Amino acid sequence: MAQKNTQTRFVIFDGPQEDKAPGTRYISKNGSATDLRSQAAKFHTFTDAQDFAEQNHVTLNAFTYIGQEDFPELELQG
């Protein structure tokens, strides 16, 4: 089986920092929380994620924070 290509992107997590436990939530492209990883807003840089949070009034703190996540290329298209 061929290895899937993945790329790391910055995302904004919405929940405790517990090593991406089940129930991990993300901030979506419209600034709301989502359970669907595919709907998470994805950023190339930490600064892009910070700017998005500021523009969408997302308060960054211990529970809503910027981190990195690996995504298959298919999830990054579109």
PDB file of N, CA and C in Angstrom:
ATOM      1  N   MET A   1       0.842  -1.168   0.000  1.00  0.00           N
ATOM      2  CA  MET A   1       0.000   0.000   0.000  1.00  0.00           C
ATOM      3  C   MET A   1       0.890   1.236   0.000  1.00  0.00           C
ATOM      4  N   ALA A   2       0.592   2.204  -0.846  1.00  0.00           N
ATOM      5  CA  ALA A   2       1.385   3.418  -0.949  1.00  0.00           C
ATOM      6  C   ALA A   2       1.178   4.302   0.277  1.00  0.00           C
ATOM      7  N   GLN A   3       2.248   4.961   0.680  1.00  0.00           N
ATOM      8  CA  GLN A   3       2.172   5.858   1.821  1.00  0.00           C
ATOM      9  C   GLN A   3       1.450   7.141   1.399  1.00  0.00           C
ATOM     10  N   LYS A   4       0.517   7.603   2.222  1.00  0.00           N
ATOM     11  CA  LYS A   4      -0.224   8.820   1.913  1.00  0.00           C
ATOM     12  C   LYS A   4       0.641  10.023   2.222  1.00  0.00           C
ATOM     13  N   ASN A   5       0.606  11.004   1.314  1.00  0.00           N
ATOM     14  CA  ASN A   5       1.345  12.236   1.545  1.00  0.00           C
ATOM     15  C   ASN A   5       0.565  13.108   2.509  1.00  0.00           C
ATOM     16  N   THR A   6       1.255  13.623   3.506  1.00  0.00           N
ATOM     17  CA  THR A   6       0.621  14.521   4.463  1.00  0.00           C
ATOM     18  C   THR A   6       1.415  15.813   4.535  1.00  0.00           C
ATOM     19  N   GLN A   7       0.728  16.856   4.965  1.00  0.00           N
ATOM     20  CA  GLN A   7       1.364  18.140   5.182  1.00  0.00           C
ATOM     21  C   GLN A   7       0.902  18.669   6.527  1.00  0.00           C
ATOM     22  N   THR A   8       1.794  19.328   7.221  1.00  0.00           N
ATOM     23  CA  THR A   8       1.479  19.895   8.522  1.00  0.00           C
ATOM     24  C   THR A   8       0.954  21.311   8.337  1.00  0.00           C
ATOM     25  N   ARG A   9      -0.127  21.615   9.022  1.00  0.00           N
ATOM     26  CA  ARG A   9      -0.718  22.949   8.999  1.00  0.00           C
ATOM     27  C   ARG A   9      -0.996  23.388  10.426  1.00  0.00           C
ATOM     28  N   PHE A  10      -1.035  24.686  10.621  1.00  0.00           N
ATOM     29  CA  PHE A  10      -1.458  25.239  11.899  1.00  0.00           C
ATOM     30  C   PHE A  10      -2.976  25.293  11.903  1.00  0.00           C
ATOM     31  N   VAL A  11      -3.564  24.954  13.028  1.00  0.00           N
ATOM     32  CA  VAL A  11      -5.009  25.045  13.232  1.00  0.00           C
ATOM     33  C   VAL A  11      -5.244  25.648  14.608  1.00  0.00           C
ATOM     34  N   ILE A  12      -6.476  26.075  14.837  1.00  0.00           N
ATOM     35  CA  ILE A  12      -6.842  26.579  16.160  1.00  0.00           C
ATOM     36  C   ILE A  12      -7.708  25.521  16.810  1.00  0.00           C
ATOM     37  N   PHE A  13      -7.204  24.973  17.908  1.00  0.00           N
ATOM     38  CA  PHE A  13      -7.931  23.954  18.653  1.00  0.00           C
ATOM     39  C   PHE A  13      -8.880  24.625  19.635  1.00  0.00           C
ATOM     40  N   ASP A  14      -9.999  23.984  19.887  1.00  0.00           N
ATOM     41  CA  ASP A  14     -10.991  24.495  20.836  1.00  0.00           C
ATOM     42  C   ASP A  14     -11.249  23.418  21.872  1.00  0.00           C
ATOM     43  N   GLY A  15     -10.438  23.395  22.910  1.00  0.00           N
ATOM     44  CA  GLY A  15     -10.577  22.406  23.969  1.00  0.00           C
ATOM     45  C   GLY A  15      -9.267  22.216  24.696  1.00  0.00           C
ATOM     46  N   PRO A  16      -9.267  21.413  25.734  1.00  0.00           N
ATOM     47  CA  PRO A  16      -8.048  21.201  26.524  1.00  0.00           C
ATOM     48  C   PRO A  16      -6.917  20.611  25.688  1.00  0.00           C
ATOM     49  N   GLN A  17      -5.711  20.938  26.043  1.00  0.00           N
ATOM     50  CA  GLN A  17      -4.528  20.455  25.330  1.00  0.00           C
ATOM     51  C   GLN A  17      -4.165  19.058  25.815  1.00  0.00           C
ATOM     52  N   GLU A  18      -4.934  18.063  25.439  1.00  0.00           N
ATOM     53  CA  GLU A  18      -4.721  16.679  25.883  1.00  0.00           C
ATOM     54  C   GLU A  18      -4.306  15.784  24.724  1.00  0.00           C
ATOM     55  N   ASP A  19      -3.257  16.156  24.032  1.00  0.00           N
ATOM     56  CA  ASP A  19      -2.710  15.331  22.964  1.00  0.00           C
ATOM     57  C   ASP A  19      -3.778  14.876  21.978  1.00  0.00           C
ATOM     58  N   LYS A  20      -4.620  15.806  21.564  1.00  0.00           N
ATOM     59  CA  LYS A  20      -5.651  15.561  20.546  1.00  0.00           C
ATOM     60  C   LYS A  20      -6.511  14.342  20.893  1.00  0.00           C
ATOM     61  N   ALA A  21      -7.028  14.339  22.083  1.00  0.00           N
ATOM     62  CA  ALA A  21      -7.885  13.256  22.564  1.00  0.00           C
ATOM     63  C   ALA A  21      -9.176  13.199  21.759  1.00  0.00           C
ATOM     64  N   PRO A  22      -9.899  12.085  21.836  1.00  0.00           N
ATOM     65  CA  PRO A  22     -11.202  12.019  21.162  1.00  0.00           C
ATOM     66  C   PRO A  22     -12.070  13.188  21.627  1.00  0.00           C
ATOM     67  N   GLY A  23     -12.809  13.748  20.705  1.00  0.00           N
ATOM     68  CA  GLY A  23     -13.637  14.903  21.027  1.00  0.00           C
ATOM     69  C   GLY A  23     -12.928  16.218  20.767  1.00  0.00           C
ATOM     70  N   THR A  24     -11.748  16.149  20.152  1.00  0.00           N
ATOM     71  CA  THR A  24     -11.030  17.374  19.815  1.00  0.00           C
ATOM     72  C   THR A  24     -11.891  18.232  18.915  1.00  0.00           C
ATOM     73  N   ARG A  25     -11.927  19.518  19.221  1.00  0.00           N
ATOM     74  CA  ARG A  25     -12.684  20.472  18.414  1.00  0.00           C
ATOM     75  C   ARG A  25     -11.717  21.467  17.793  1.00  0.00           C
ATOM     76  N   TYR A  26     -12.157  22.054  16.702  1.00  0.00           N
ATOM     77  CA  TYR A  26     -11.346  22.988  15.941  1.00  0.00           C
ATOM     78  C   TYR A  26     -12.161  24.253  15.686  1.00  0.00           C
ATOM     79  N   ILE A  27     -11.462  25.324  15.335  1.00  0.00           N
ATOM     80  CA  ILE A  27     -12.139  26.528  14.860  1.00  0.00           C
ATOM     81  C   ILE A  27     -12.197  26.418  13.341  1.00  0.00           C
ATOM     82  N   SER A  28     -13.397  26.615  12.800  1.00  0.00           N
ATOM     83  CA  SER A  28     -13.612  26.477  11.358  1.00  0.00           C
ATOM     84  C   SER A  28     -13.320  27.779  10.627  1.00  0.00           C
ATOM     85  N   LYS A  29     -13.431  27.744   9.315  1.00  0.00           N
ATOM     86  CA  LYS A  29     -13.150  28.904   8.470  1.00  0.00           C
ATOM     87  C   LYS A  29     -14.079  30.077   8.752  1.00  0.00           C
ATOM     88  N   ASN A  30     -15.250  29.812   9.336  1.00  0.00           N
ATOM     89  CA  ASN A  30     -16.162  30.921   9.646  1.00  0.00           C
ATOM     90  C   ASN A  30     -16.023  31.394  11.092  1.00  0.00           C
ATOM     91  N   GLY A  31     -15.051  30.855  11.816  1.00  0.00           N
ATOM     92  CA  GLY A  31     -14.772  31.300  13.177  1.00  0.00           C
ATOM     93  C   GLY A  31     -15.543  30.575  14.262  1.00  0.00           C
ATOM     94  N   SER A  32     -16.368  29.602  13.887  1.00  0.00           N
ATOM     95  CA  SER A  32     -17.120  28.843  14.884  1.00  0.00           C
ATOM     96  C   SER A  32     -16.416  27.521  15.183  1.00  0.00           C
ATOM     97  N   ALA A  33     -16.792  26.898  16.289  1.00  0.00           N
ATOM     98  CA  ALA A  33     -16.203  25.608  16.668  1.00  0.00           C
ATOM     99  C   ALA A  33     -16.832  24.483  15.855  1.00  0.00           C
ATOM    100  N   THR A  34     -16.027  23.483  15.530  1.00  0.00           N
ATOM    101  CA  THR A  34     -16.506  22.311  14.794  1.00  0.00           C
ATOM    102  C   THR A  34     -15.819  21.062  15.319  1.00  0.00           C
ATOM    103  N   ASP A  35     -16.537  19.952  15.259  1.00  0.00           N
ATOM    104  CA  ASP A  35     -15.967  18.652  15.607  1.00  0.00           C
ATOM    105  C   ASP A  35     -15.287  18.009  14.401  1.00  0.00           C
ATOM    106  N   LEU A  36     -15.554  18.530  13.208  1.00  0.00           N
ATOM    107  CA  LEU A  36     -15.052  17.933  11.979  1.00  0.00           C
ATOM    108  C   LEU A  36     -13.684  18.496  11.622  1.00  0.00           C
ATOM    109  N   ARG A  37     -12.708  17.643  11.678  1.00  0.00           N
ATOM    110  CA  ARG A  37     -11.331  18.034  11.365  1.00  0.00           C
ATOM    111  C   ARG A  37     -11.223  18.601   9.956  1.00  0.00           C
ATOM    112  N   SER A  38     -11.987  18.041   9.031  1.00  0.00           N
ATOM    113  CA  SER A  38     -11.931  18.502   7.643  1.00  0.00           C
ATOM    114  C   SER A  38     -12.418  19.943   7.484  1.00  0.00           C
ATOM    115  N   GLN A  39     -13.221  20.428   8.433  1.00  0.00           N
ATOM    116  CA  GLN A  39     -13.732  21.793   8.354  1.00  0.00           C
ATOM    117  C   GLN A  39     -12.873  22.794   9.119  1.00  0.00           C
ATOM    118  N   ALA A  40     -11.812  22.323   9.741  1.00  0.00           N
ATOM    119  CA  ALA A  40     -10.918  23.222  10.486  1.00  0.00           C
ATOM    120  C   ALA A  40     -10.267  24.216   9.533  1.00  0.00           C
ATOM    121  N   ALA A  41     -10.143  25.448   9.984  1.00  0.00           N
ATOM    122  CA  ALA A  41      -9.379  26.441   9.226  1.00  0.00           C
ATOM    123  C   ALA A  41      -7.910  26.043   9.333  1.00  0.00           C
ATOM    124  N   LYS A  42      -7.221  25.985   8.198  1.00  0.00           N
ATOM    125  CA  LYS A  42      -5.830  25.524   8.155  1.00  0.00           C
ATOM    126  C   LYS A  42      -4.938  26.670   7.674  1.00  0.00           C
ATOM    127  N   PHE A  43      -3.774  26.817   8.306  1.00  0.00           N
ATOM    128  CA  PHE A  43      -2.888  27.936   8.017  1.00  0.00           C
ATOM    129  C   PHE A  43      -1.471  27.449   7.774  1.00  0.00           C
ATOM    130  N   HIS A  44      -0.762  28.162   6.907  1.00  0.00           N
ATOM    131  CA  HIS A  44       0.634  27.827   6.620  1.00  0.00           C
ATOM    132  C   HIS A  44       1.564  28.298   7.723  1.00  0.00           C
ATOM    133  N   THR A  45       1.221  29.406   8.396  1.00  0.00           N
ATOM    134  CA  THR A  45       2.102  29.936   9.430  1.00  0.00           C
ATOM    135  C   THR A  45       1.322  30.195  10.717  1.00  0.00           C
ATOM    136  N   PHE A  46       2.055  30.247  11.818  1.00  0.00           N
ATOM    137  CA  PHE A  46       1.481  30.572  13.120  1.00  0.00           C
ATOM    138  C   PHE A  46       0.876  31.975  13.072  1.00  0.00           C
ATOM    139  N   THR A  47       1.583  32.894  12.432  1.00  0.00           N
ATOM    140  CA  THR A  47       1.111  34.276  12.339  1.00  0.00           C
ATOM    141  C   THR A  47      -0.200  34.361  11.579  1.00  0.00           C
ATOM    142  N   ASP A  48      -0.362  33.582  10.517  1.00  0.00           N
ATOM    143  CA  ASP A  48      -1.633  33.564   9.775  1.00  0.00           C
ATOM    144  C   ASP A  48      -2.776  33.136  10.699  1.00  0.00           C
ATOM    145  N   ALA A  49      -2.517  32.132  11.533  1.00  0.00           N
ATOM    146  CA  ALA A  49      -3.543  31.657  12.469  1.00  0.00           C
ATOM    147  C   ALA A  49      -3.858  32.733  13.506  1.00  0.00           C
ATOM    148  N   GLN A  50      -2.842  33.421  14.005  1.00  0.00           N
ATOM    149  CA  GLN A  50      -3.063  34.509  14.963  1.00  0.00           C
ATOM    150  C   GLN A  50      -3.903  35.620  14.344  1.00  0.00           C
ATOM    151  N   ASP A  51      -3.573  36.004  13.124  1.00  0.00           N
ATOM    152  CA  ASP A  51      -4.318  37.065  12.435  1.00  0.00           C
ATOM    153  C   ASP A  51      -5.776  36.661  12.246  1.00  0.00           C
ATOM    154  N   PHE A  52      -6.002  35.413  11.843  1.00  0.00           N
ATOM    155  CA  PHE A  52      -7.364  34.904  11.670  1.00  0.00           C
ATOM    156  C   PHE A  52      -8.130  34.981  12.989  1.00  0.00           C
ATOM    157  N   ALA A  53      -7.501  34.545  14.066  1.00  0.00           N
ATOM    158  CA  ALA A  53      -8.152  34.570  15.380  1.00  0.00           C
ATOM    159  C   ALA A  53      -8.539  36.000  15.742  1.00  0.00           C
ATOM    160  N   GLU A  54      -7.642  36.940  15.533  1.00  0.00           N
ATOM    161  CA  GLU A  54      -7.927  38.340  15.860  1.00  0.00           C
ATOM    162  C   GLU A  54      -9.074  38.876  15.009  1.00  0.00           C
ATOM    163  N   GLN A  55      -9.047  38.614  13.719  1.00  0.00           N
ATOM    164  CA  GLN A  55     -10.083  39.117  12.802  1.00  0.00           C
ATOM    165  C   GLN A  55     -11.451  38.509  13.084  1.00  0.00           C
ATOM    166  N   ASN A  56     -11.471  37.281  13.609  1.00  0.00           N
ATOM    167  CA  ASN A  56     -12.736  36.581  13.856  1.00  0.00           C
ATOM    168  C   ASN A  56     -13.115  36.562  15.336  1.00  0.00           C
ATOM    169  N   HIS A  57     -12.443  37.391  16.116  1.00  0.00           N
ATOM    170  CA  HIS A  57     -12.748  37.540  17.547  1.00  0.00           C
ATOM    171  C   HIS A  57     -12.686  36.207  18.300  1.00  0.00           C
ATOM    172  N   VAL A  58     -11.678  35.414  17.955  1.00  0.00           N
ATOM    173  CA  VAL A  58     -11.425  34.153  18.649  1.00  0.00           C
ATOM    174  C   VAL A  58     -10.357  34.439  19.708  1.00  0.00           C
ATOM    175  N   THR A  59     -10.718  34.297  20.964  1.00  0.00           N
ATOM    176  CA  THR A  59      -9.793  34.560  22.054  1.00  0.00           C
ATOM    177  C   THR A  59      -8.881  33.357  22.262  1.00  0.00           C
ATOM    178  N   LEU A  60      -7.595  33.582  22.142  1.00  0.00           N
ATOM    179  CA  LEU A  60      -6.623  32.506  22.358  1.00  0.00           C
ATOM    180  C   LEU A  60      -6.259  32.445  23.834  1.00  0.00           C
ATOM    181  N   ASN A  61      -6.313  31.231  24.394  1.00  0.00           N
ATOM    182  CA  ASN A  61      -5.999  31.027  25.806  1.00  0.00           C
ATOM    183  C   ASN A  61      -5.599  29.562  26.000  1.00  0.00           C
ATOM    184  N   ALA A  62      -5.687  29.063  27.207  1.00  0.00           N
ATOM    185  CA  ALA A  62      -5.274  27.673  27.477  1.00  0.00           C
ATOM    186  C   ALA A  62      -6.181  26.649  26.800  1.00  0.00           C
ATOM    187  N   PHE A  63      -7.408  27.014  26.484  1.00  0.00           N
ATOM    188  CA  PHE A  63      -8.351  26.065  25.879  1.00  0.00           C
ATOM    189  C   PHE A  63      -8.577  26.305  24.385  1.00  0.00           C
ATOM    190  N   THR A  64      -8.341  27.496  23.930  1.00  0.00           N
ATOM    191  CA  THR A  64      -8.450  27.816  22.504  1.00  0.00           C
ATOM    192  C   THR A  64      -7.070  28.286  22.088  1.00  0.00           C
ATOM    193  N   TYR A  65      -6.359  27.440  21.376  1.00  0.00           N
ATOM    194  CA  TYR A  65      -4.943  27.674  21.145  1.00  0.00           C
ATOM    195  C   TYR A  65      -4.541  27.212  19.749  1.00  0.00           C
ATOM    196  N   ILE A  66      -3.424  27.721  19.285  1.00  0.00           N
ATOM    197  CA  ILE A  66      -2.885  27.367  17.973  1.00  0.00           C
ATOM    198  C   ILE A  66      -1.922  26.200  18.144  1.00  0.00           C
ATOM    199  N   GLY A  67      -2.092  25.203  17.300  1.00  0.00           N
ATOM    200  CA  GLY A  67      -1.211  24.043  17.307  1.00  0.00           C
ATOM    201  C   GLY A  67      -1.039  23.531  15.890  1.00  0.00           C
ATOM    202  N   GLN A  68      -0.339  22.435  15.754  1.00  0.00           N
ATOM    203  CA  GLN A  68      -0.099  21.848  14.440  1.00  0.00           C
ATOM    204  C   GLN A  68      -0.802  20.510  14.315  1.00  0.00           C
ATOM    205  N   GLU A  69      -1.209  20.222  13.102  1.00  0.00           N
ATOM    206  CA  GLU A  69      -1.913  18.977  12.797  1.00  0.00           C
ATOM    207  C   GLU A  69      -1.461  18.521  11.411  1.00  0.00           C
ATOM    208  N   ASP A  70      -1.323  17.225  11.222  1.00  0.00           N
ATOM    209  CA  ASP A  70      -0.987  16.669   9.915  1.00  0.00           C
ATOM    210  C   ASP A  70      -2.282  16.348   9.166  1.00  0.00           C
ATOM    211  N   PHE A  71      -2.322  16.754   7.887  1.00  0.00           N
ATOM    212  CA  PHE A  71      -3.481  16.523   7.049  1.00  0.00           C
ATOM    213  C   PHE A  71      -3.046  15.812   5.771  1.00  0.00           C
ATOM    214  N   PRO A  72      -3.823  14.835   5.314  1.00  0.00           N
ATOM    215  CA  PRO A  72      -3.538  14.251   4.003  1.00  0.00           C
ATOM    216  C   PRO A  72      -3.791  15.305   2.944  1.00  0.00           C
ATOM    217  N   GLU A  73      -3.047  15.239   1.848  1.00  0.00           N
ATOM    218  CA  GLU A  73      -3.185  16.226   0.784  1.00  0.00           C
ATOM    219  C   GLU A  73      -4.629  16.374   0.314  1.00  0.00           C
ATOM    220  N   LEU A  74      -5.381  15.282   0.324  1.00  0.00           N
ATOM    221  CA  LEU A  74      -6.768  15.334  -0.127  1.00  0.00           C
ATOM    222  C   LEU A  74      -7.592  16.317   0.709  1.00  0.00           C
ATOM    223  N   GLU A  75      -7.345  16.387   2.005  1.00  0.00           N
ATOM    224  CA  GLU A  75      -8.081  17.298   2.884  1.00  0.00           C
ATOM    225  C   GLU A  75      -7.663  18.749   2.691  1.00  0.00           C
ATOM    226  N   LEU A  76      -6.530  18.987   2.052  1.00  0.00           N
ATOM    227  CA  LEU A  76      -6.037  20.346   1.866  1.00  0.00           C
ATOM    228  C   LEU A  76      -6.517  20.952   0.557  1.00  0.00           C
ATOM    229  N   GLN A  77      -7.099  20.156  -0.294  1.00  0.00           N
ATOM    230  CA  GLN A  77      -7.587  20.661  -1.576  1.00  0.00           C
ATOM    231  C   GLN A  77      -8.961  21.277  -1.397  1.00  0.00           C
ATOM    232  N   GLY A  78      -9.173  22.354  -2.148  1.00  0.00           N
ATOM    233  CA  GLY A  78     -10.497  22.978  -2.138  1.00  0.00           C
ATOM    234  C   GLY A  78     -10.727  23.939  -1.105  1.00  0.00           C
TER     235      GLY A  78
END
